[in-house]
Amino acid sequence: MKLKKFKLAMKVVHFIIKGLLFIVFSCLVLELALQGAHWIHAAMEPASELPHPGTPVILCVGDSHTYGVKLPAEQSYPGQLQSLFDHQGIVVNVVNAGVPGENTSELRRRLPELLVRYRPVAVVILSCSNNGWNRADIIWSDLQDGVLQPGIRSWPRRLWFGLVGNLRTVRLLTYLWNETGRRLKPLERVEDREGKVYFHREQWKWKGPWNELDRMLDRSRRDLAAMVEMAESVRALPILMTYAGQPFSPMGGANDVLRTMAKSLGVPLVDNDAAIWPRFMRPDGSMDQAAHDRLFLADSGETHLAGPGYAIVARNVFETLVQLRAVKP
C-alpha cells in the first residue's frame, strides 16, 4: 500500500516537473521569438530621410500615439503635421521618432542620440502611458537620478527590474495583466484638481503594490524633467502633450503627470485630451457615437486615434509652434 502511494506521489512530482520544464521551455521560445521579431522589425524599418535637408527639424518623440500604430505613416500626427507645414509653405522637417510600447525611461535614454542626429528647433514629447506596465530601463533611470544606490541592498531590485523586467516575455505578460484592469464605462464628465472639465470613457486601475505606483509616478516626472532639460540644452523648444483617450485618475494618470510637469517646468502644453473629447459630446451631455468612431480606432480599446483624430493633434501642434515662433513662415 505504501509502495503504491509512493509511486503515485512520484508520478505527481514527475508530472509537475515536466509541466514546469514545459512552461520554462515555452517562455524561452517565446522570448527568442519576440526578440527576433523586434530585431527583424528594426532592420526592416526604412531609414527616415528628411524631406527638406538643411532646414529646421521638429522632432516628435513618444510611443505608439506618436508612431501612429495601425495607420500609414502619413496619417500619424507627425505625418499630418508635415503636410500642414508643406501646405502653408513653411519649409521644415517633421521627424516621427515614436516607438510603440516605449516608456519614459527608454525615451530618456535614446533622446540624446536623436538630439545630436537632428539638432531640432523643437521637441514634441508625448510619453507616459506605458509606464504602468513597461519596466524596461527603469533601473538605469533610477541610477541616473541617484534614487537607487549601488550596493548589496539594491541588488534584488536591480536584478528583477534590470534583468527580468527587460525580458520581452515579461513585458508582454505584464501588459496583458495591466489590460485586464481596463473597464469600459459610459462617458462621464470629470473635473481635475483645478476645476478644469474633461470627458472620459475609460476607467484606469493600478494593479500592483502602491509603493511601486508612487515610484512609477515619481520616475515619470523625473524622466520628463530630464528630457525637457536635454531639449533646452541644445536650444530646442520642449513641448509636452496629453493623450486623447487616456483615462483620468485622481491619484495621477499619464495626463495628470504631463499637465503637472508642463506647469511646474514652465513649458508649453498641447492638451489634446481637453481638445478632442468635447468634439463628440452633444449639448445634452450624451455622446455622438458616429463622431467618436471617426476619431478613434475601433480595435484599439478607444485609446488610439484614427487619422481624423490625429489631424486635430497635428493642427494643435502646428498652431502652438507657429504661435511660439518656433518656426518662421
Protein backbone atom coordinates (compact mmCIF):
# COMPACT_ATOMS: atom_id res chain seq x y z
CA MET A 1 0.00 0.00 0.00
CA LYS A 2 2.80 2.38 0.95
CA LEU A 3 4.64 1.47 -2.24
CA LYS A 4 1.60 2.36 -4.34
CA LYS A 5 1.27 5.71 -2.57
CA PHE A 6 4.96 6.36 -3.12
CA LYS A 7 4.69 5.55 -6.84
CA LEU A 8 1.62 7.78 -7.13
CA ALA A 9 3.44 10.62 -5.39
CA MET A 10 6.43 10.20 -7.70
CA LYS A 11 4.15 10.32 -10.72
CA VAL A 12 2.65 13.56 -9.46
CA VAL A 13 6.14 15.00 -8.85
CA HIS A 14 7.29 13.95 -12.32
CA PHE A 15 4.16 15.47 -13.84
CA ILE A 16 4.77 18.75 -12.01
CA ILE A 17 8.43 18.81 -13.05
CA LYS A 18 7.53 18.13 -16.67
CA GLY A 19 4.91 20.85 -16.54
CA LEU A 20 7.39 23.37 -15.14
CA LEU A 21 10.00 22.42 -17.73
CA PHE A 22 7.42 22.82 -20.47
CA ILE A 23 6.49 26.29 -19.16
CA VAL A 24 10.15 27.33 -18.95
CA PHE A 25 10.87 25.99 -22.44
CA SER A 26 7.76 27.72 -23.85
CA CYS A 27 8.76 31.02 -22.25
CA LEU A 28 12.28 30.66 -23.66
CA VAL A 29 10.94 30.00 -27.16
CA LEU A 30 8.51 32.93 -26.85
CA GLU A 31 11.30 35.23 -25.63
CA LEU A 32 13.55 34.25 -28.55
CA ALA A 33 10.65 34.77 -30.97
CA LEU A 34 9.83 38.22 -29.53
CA GLN A 35 13.48 39.28 -29.54
CA GLY A 36 13.86 38.04 -33.10
CA ALA A 37 10.72 39.83 -34.23
CA HIS A 38 11.98 43.04 -32.62
CA TRP A 39 15.32 42.92 -34.40
CA ILE A 40 13.76 41.95 -37.72
CA HIS A 41 11.31 44.84 -37.46
CA ALA A 42 14.13 47.23 -36.58
CA ALA A 43 16.21 46.00 -39.52
CA MET A 44 13.29 46.32 -41.94
CA GLU A 45 12.27 49.77 -40.72
CA PRO A 46 13.17 52.20 -43.50
CA ALA A 47 15.69 54.89 -42.64
CA SER A 48 13.95 58.21 -42.17
CA GLU A 49 15.01 60.72 -44.79
CA LEU A 50 14.42 64.41 -44.22
CA PRO A 51 12.07 65.83 -46.88
CA HIS A 52 13.89 69.18 -46.75
CA PRO A 53 17.57 68.62 -45.83
CA GLY A 54 19.31 71.60 -44.30
CA THR A 55 16.14 73.17 -42.91
CA PRO A 56 14.78 73.22 -39.30
CA VAL A 57 13.66 69.98 -37.70
CA ILE A 58 10.63 69.36 -35.50
CA LEU A 59 11.35 66.19 -33.51
CA CYS A 60 8.27 64.24 -32.38
CA VAL A 61 9.12 61.62 -29.75
CA GLY A 62 6.96 59.22 -27.79
CA ASP A 63 5.21 55.87 -28.01
CA SER A 64 2.55 54.32 -30.28
CA HIS A 65 0.48 57.53 -30.13
CA THR A 66 3.34 59.34 -31.86
CA TYR A 67 4.25 56.44 -34.12
CA GLY A 68 0.65 56.16 -35.35
CA VAL A 69 0.02 52.48 -34.71
CA LYS A 70 -2.16 50.66 -37.27
CA LEU A 71 -2.06 53.66 -39.61
CA PRO A 72 0.00 54.66 -42.66
CA ALA A 73 2.87 56.99 -41.77
CA GLU A 74 1.19 59.94 -43.46
CA GLN A 75 -1.86 59.61 -41.17
CA SER A 76 0.12 59.76 -37.92
CA TYR A 77 0.15 63.16 -36.30
CA PRO A 78 3.81 63.86 -37.33
CA GLY A 79 2.91 62.91 -40.91
CA GLN A 80 -0.07 65.24 -40.93
CA LEU A 81 1.96 67.95 -39.22
CA GLN A 82 4.47 67.77 -42.08
CA SER A 83 1.59 68.14 -44.57
CA LEU A 84 0.31 71.22 -42.73
CA PHE A 85 3.72 72.89 -42.92
CA ASP A 86 4.10 71.99 -46.60
CA HIS A 87 0.62 73.32 -47.36
CA GLN A 88 1.43 76.61 -45.64
CA GLY A 89 4.72 76.90 -47.50
CA ILE A 90 6.78 76.62 -44.30
CA VAL A 91 9.89 74.60 -45.07
CA VAL A 92 10.65 72.35 -42.09
CA ASN A 93 11.27 68.66 -41.44
CA VAL A 94 8.97 66.77 -39.09
CA VAL A 95 10.63 63.62 -37.75
CA ASN A 96 8.46 60.83 -36.35
CA ALA A 97 10.60 59.17 -33.66
CA GLY A 98 7.77 57.32 -31.91
CA VAL A 99 8.36 53.75 -30.69
CA PRO A 100 5.28 51.65 -29.78
CA GLY A 101 5.25 50.41 -26.20
CA GLU A 102 8.11 52.64 -25.06
CA ASN A 103 8.14 54.14 -21.57
CA THR A 104 9.63 57.46 -20.44
CA SER A 105 12.87 55.87 -19.22
CA GLU A 106 13.54 54.24 -22.59
CA LEU A 107 12.80 57.50 -24.37
CA ARG A 108 15.00 59.43 -21.97
CA ARG A 109 17.86 57.04 -22.69
CA ARG A 110 17.67 57.35 -26.50
CA LEU A 111 16.78 61.06 -26.71
CA PRO A 112 20.40 62.37 -26.57
CA GLU A 113 21.28 60.46 -29.75
CA LEU A 114 18.22 61.87 -31.52
CA LEU A 115 19.11 65.41 -30.46
CA VAL A 116 22.65 65.02 -31.78
CA ARG A 117 21.44 63.49 -35.05
CA TYR A 118 18.71 66.00 -35.89
CA ARG A 119 19.56 69.18 -33.95
CA PRO A 120 15.86 70.11 -33.75
CA VAL A 121 14.40 73.54 -33.11
CA ALA A 122 11.53 71.94 -31.17
CA VAL A 123 10.92 68.60 -29.42
CA VAL A 124 7.32 67.44 -29.00
CA ILE A 125 7.11 64.90 -26.17
CA LEU A 126 4.16 62.51 -25.78
CA SER A 127 5.20 59.80 -23.33
CA CYS A 128 3.99 58.28 -20.06
CA SER A 129 1.10 55.96 -20.91
CA ASN A 130 3.23 52.77 -20.89
CA ASN A 131 4.96 53.37 -17.56
CA GLY A 132 2.38 51.30 -15.71
CA TRP A 133 3.38 48.04 -17.39
CA ASN A 134 6.73 48.53 -19.14
CA ARG A 135 9.65 48.32 -16.68
CA ALA A 136 12.48 48.50 -19.21
CA ASP A 137 15.35 50.87 -18.30
CA ILE A 138 13.74 52.00 -15.04
CA ILE A 139 16.82 50.86 -13.08
CA TRP A 140 19.01 52.92 -15.41
CA SER A 141 16.77 55.94 -14.79
CA ASP A 142 16.83 55.48 -11.01
CA LEU A 143 20.62 55.15 -11.02
CA GLN A 144 20.96 58.28 -13.14
CA ASP A 145 18.97 60.30 -10.61
CA GLY A 146 20.59 58.77 -7.52
CA VAL A 147 17.27 57.32 -6.36
CA LEU A 148 18.73 53.81 -6.38
CA GLN A 149 22.17 53.49 -4.86
CA PRO A 150 24.68 50.81 -5.96
CA GLY A 151 25.21 48.14 -3.33
CA ILE A 152 24.10 44.79 -1.97
CA ARG A 153 20.74 46.11 -0.71
CA SER A 154 19.68 47.25 -4.17
CA TRP A 155 20.70 44.04 -5.95
CA PRO A 156 17.35 42.23 -5.67
CA ARG A 157 15.52 45.19 -7.20
CA ARG A 158 18.23 45.74 -9.81
CA LEU A 159 18.17 42.06 -10.75
CA TRP A 160 14.39 41.88 -11.10
CA PHE A 161 13.70 45.17 -12.87
CA GLY A 162 17.07 45.46 -14.58
CA LEU A 163 17.20 41.92 -16.00
CA VAL A 164 13.83 40.20 -15.72
CA GLY A 165 11.92 43.44 -16.35
CA ASN A 166 13.67 43.85 -19.69
CA LEU A 167 12.62 40.43 -20.98
CA ARG A 168 10.02 40.87 -23.71
CA THR A 169 8.03 37.89 -22.44
CA VAL A 170 7.69 39.55 -19.05
CA ARG A 171 6.75 42.84 -20.69
CA LEU A 172 4.09 41.10 -22.78
CA LEU A 173 2.60 39.29 -19.77
CA THR A 174 2.69 42.50 -17.71
CA TYR A 175 0.92 44.37 -20.49
CA LEU A 176 -1.80 41.72 -20.71
CA TRP A 177 -2.20 41.74 -16.93
CA ASN A 178 -2.45 45.52 -16.91
CA GLU A 179 -5.05 45.48 -19.67
CA THR A 180 -7.36 43.37 -17.50
CA GLY A 181 -7.69 46.46 -15.28
CA ARG A 182 -9.38 48.41 -18.04
CA ARG A 183 -13.16 48.51 -17.90
CA LEU A 184 -15.22 50.46 -20.38
CA LYS A 185 -17.93 52.54 -18.82
CA PRO A 186 -20.33 55.28 -20.01
CA LEU A 187 -18.69 58.57 -20.95
CA GLU A 188 -18.59 60.82 -17.93
CA ARG A 189 -17.76 64.40 -17.13
CA VAL A 190 -14.97 64.86 -14.57
CA GLU A 191 -13.02 67.78 -13.17
CA ASP A 192 -9.36 67.89 -12.28
CA ARG A 193 -7.91 69.43 -9.13
CA GLU A 194 -8.03 72.90 -10.66
CA GLY A 195 -11.66 72.63 -11.69
CA LYS A 196 -11.00 72.08 -15.39
CA VAL A 197 -13.55 69.84 -17.10
CA TYR A 198 -12.64 66.68 -19.06
CA PHE A 199 -14.70 63.94 -20.65
CA HIS A 200 -13.56 60.34 -20.27
CA ARG A 201 -14.89 56.94 -21.16
CA GLU A 202 -12.32 54.55 -19.71
CA GLN A 203 -11.57 53.51 -16.15
CA TRP A 204 -7.93 53.38 -15.09
CA LYS A 205 -6.92 50.94 -12.41
CA TRP A 206 -3.50 50.29 -10.92
CA LYS A 207 -2.79 46.60 -10.36
CA GLY A 208 0.25 46.35 -8.15
CA PRO A 209 1.83 47.48 -4.85
CA TRP A 210 1.03 51.10 -4.02
CA ASN A 211 4.66 51.93 -3.26
CA GLU A 212 5.51 50.88 -6.82
CA LEU A 213 2.85 53.26 -8.10
CA ASP A 214 4.48 56.11 -6.18
CA ARG A 215 7.88 55.14 -7.57
CA MET A 216 6.48 54.94 -11.11
CA LEU A 217 4.86 58.40 -10.90
CA ASP A 218 8.00 59.93 -9.40
CA ARG A 219 10.14 58.32 -12.13
CA SER A 220 7.77 59.59 -14.81
CA ARG A 221 8.20 63.14 -13.54
CA ARG A 222 11.98 62.80 -13.31
CA ASP A 223 12.22 61.37 -16.83
CA LEU A 224 10.07 64.15 -18.29
CA ALA A 225 12.06 66.81 -16.46
CA ALA A 226 15.32 65.30 -17.72
CA MET A 227 14.06 65.23 -21.32
CA VAL A 228 12.93 68.85 -21.13
CA GLU A 229 16.38 69.79 -19.81
CA MET A 230 18.03 67.84 -22.65
CA ALA A 231 15.99 69.70 -25.25
CA GLU A 232 16.73 73.07 -23.69
CA SER A 233 20.45 72.24 -23.51
CA VAL A 234 20.57 72.16 -27.34
CA ARG A 235 18.34 75.26 -27.58
CA ALA A 236 15.32 73.32 -28.75
CA LEU A 237 11.82 74.25 -27.60
CA PRO A 238 10.35 71.40 -25.48
CA ILE A 239 6.59 70.86 -25.76
CA LEU A 240 4.63 68.37 -23.68
CA MET A 241 1.35 66.86 -24.89
CA THR A 242 -1.50 64.97 -23.28
CA TYR A 243 -3.07 61.79 -24.64
CA ALA A 244 -6.51 61.80 -26.19
CA GLY A 245 -8.50 58.91 -24.80
CA GLN A 246 -6.34 58.18 -21.79
CA PRO A 247 -8.23 57.57 -18.53
CA PHE A 248 -8.30 60.19 -15.80
CA SER A 249 -7.00 59.16 -12.40
CA PRO A 250 -7.29 61.33 -9.28
CA MET A 251 -4.09 59.70 -7.97
CA GLY A 252 -2.10 60.55 -11.04
CA GLY A 253 -2.66 59.17 -14.51
CA ALA A 254 -0.49 59.89 -17.53
CA ASN A 255 -2.27 63.12 -18.44
CA ASP A 256 -2.24 64.33 -14.85
CA VAL A 257 1.55 63.87 -14.78
CA LEU A 258 2.01 65.61 -18.14
CA ARG A 259 -0.16 68.60 -17.16
CA THR A 260 1.57 68.94 -13.80
CA MET A 261 5.06 68.76 -15.30
CA ALA A 262 4.28 71.27 -18.04
CA LYS A 263 3.09 73.72 -15.40
CA SER A 264 5.96 73.14 -12.96
CA LEU A 265 8.64 73.28 -15.66
CA GLY A 266 7.07 76.26 -17.40
CA VAL A 267 6.95 74.62 -20.82
CA PRO A 268 4.13 74.71 -23.41
CA LEU A 269 1.41 72.07 -23.17
CA VAL A 270 -0.71 70.83 -26.06
CA ASP A 271 -3.78 69.45 -24.28
CA ASN A 272 -5.15 67.01 -26.85
CA ASP A 273 -7.34 65.33 -24.26
CA ALA A 274 -9.26 68.50 -23.48
CA ALA A 275 -9.47 69.37 -27.18
CA ILE A 276 -10.79 66.07 -28.55
CA TRP A 277 -13.27 64.64 -26.05
CA PRO A 278 -15.77 67.56 -26.27
CA ARG A 279 -15.89 67.16 -30.06
CA PHE A 280 -18.31 64.26 -29.79
CA MET A 281 -20.34 65.49 -26.85
CA ARG A 282 -23.83 66.74 -27.62
CA PRO A 283 -25.23 69.80 -25.80
CA ASP A 284 -27.36 67.50 -23.61
CA GLY A 285 -24.24 65.66 -22.40
CA SER A 286 -24.78 62.49 -24.44
CA MET A 287 -22.18 61.06 -26.80
CA ASP A 288 -22.31 61.25 -30.56
CA GLN A 289 -21.17 57.71 -31.37
CA ALA A 290 -20.62 58.43 -35.07
CA ALA A 291 -18.36 61.39 -34.27
CA HIS A 292 -16.49 59.29 -31.72
CA ASP A 293 -15.91 56.43 -34.16
CA ARG A 294 -14.44 58.82 -36.73
CA LEU A 295 -11.80 59.96 -34.27
CA PHE A 296 -10.71 56.67 -32.65
CA LEU A 297 -9.63 53.28 -33.96
CA ALA A 298 -12.36 50.78 -33.14
CA ASP A 299 -9.96 47.93 -32.23
CA SER A 300 -7.55 49.94 -30.06
CA GLY A 301 -9.52 49.99 -26.83
CA GLU A 302 -10.57 53.56 -27.69
CA THR A 303 -7.14 54.90 -26.74
CA HIS A 304 -5.51 55.25 -30.17
CA LEU A 305 -6.70 57.87 -32.58
CA ALA A 306 -7.62 57.32 -36.20
CA GLY A 307 -6.46 59.64 -38.99
CA PRO A 308 -9.11 62.35 -38.35
CA GLY A 309 -8.22 62.33 -34.66
CA TYR A 310 -4.53 62.78 -35.39
CA ALA A 311 -5.44 65.61 -37.74
CA ILE A 312 -6.70 67.52 -34.70
CA VAL A 313 -3.49 66.75 -32.81
CA ALA A 314 -1.38 67.90 -35.77
CA ARG A 315 -3.37 71.14 -36.01
CA ASN A 316 -2.92 71.74 -32.26
CA VAL A 317 0.85 71.24 -32.51
CA PHE A 318 1.08 73.35 -35.67
CA GLU A 319 -0.73 76.29 -34.09
CA THR A 320 1.41 76.03 -30.94
CA LEU A 321 4.68 76.01 -32.90
CA VAL A 322 3.63 78.98 -35.03
CA GLN A 323 2.32 80.92 -32.05
CA LEU A 324 5.56 80.38 -30.13
CA ARG A 325 7.57 81.25 -33.25
CA ALA A 326 9.50 78.01 -33.12
CA VAL A 327 9.27 78.05 -36.92
CA LYS A 328 9.17 81.02 -39.24
CA PRO A 329 6.54 81.27 -42.00
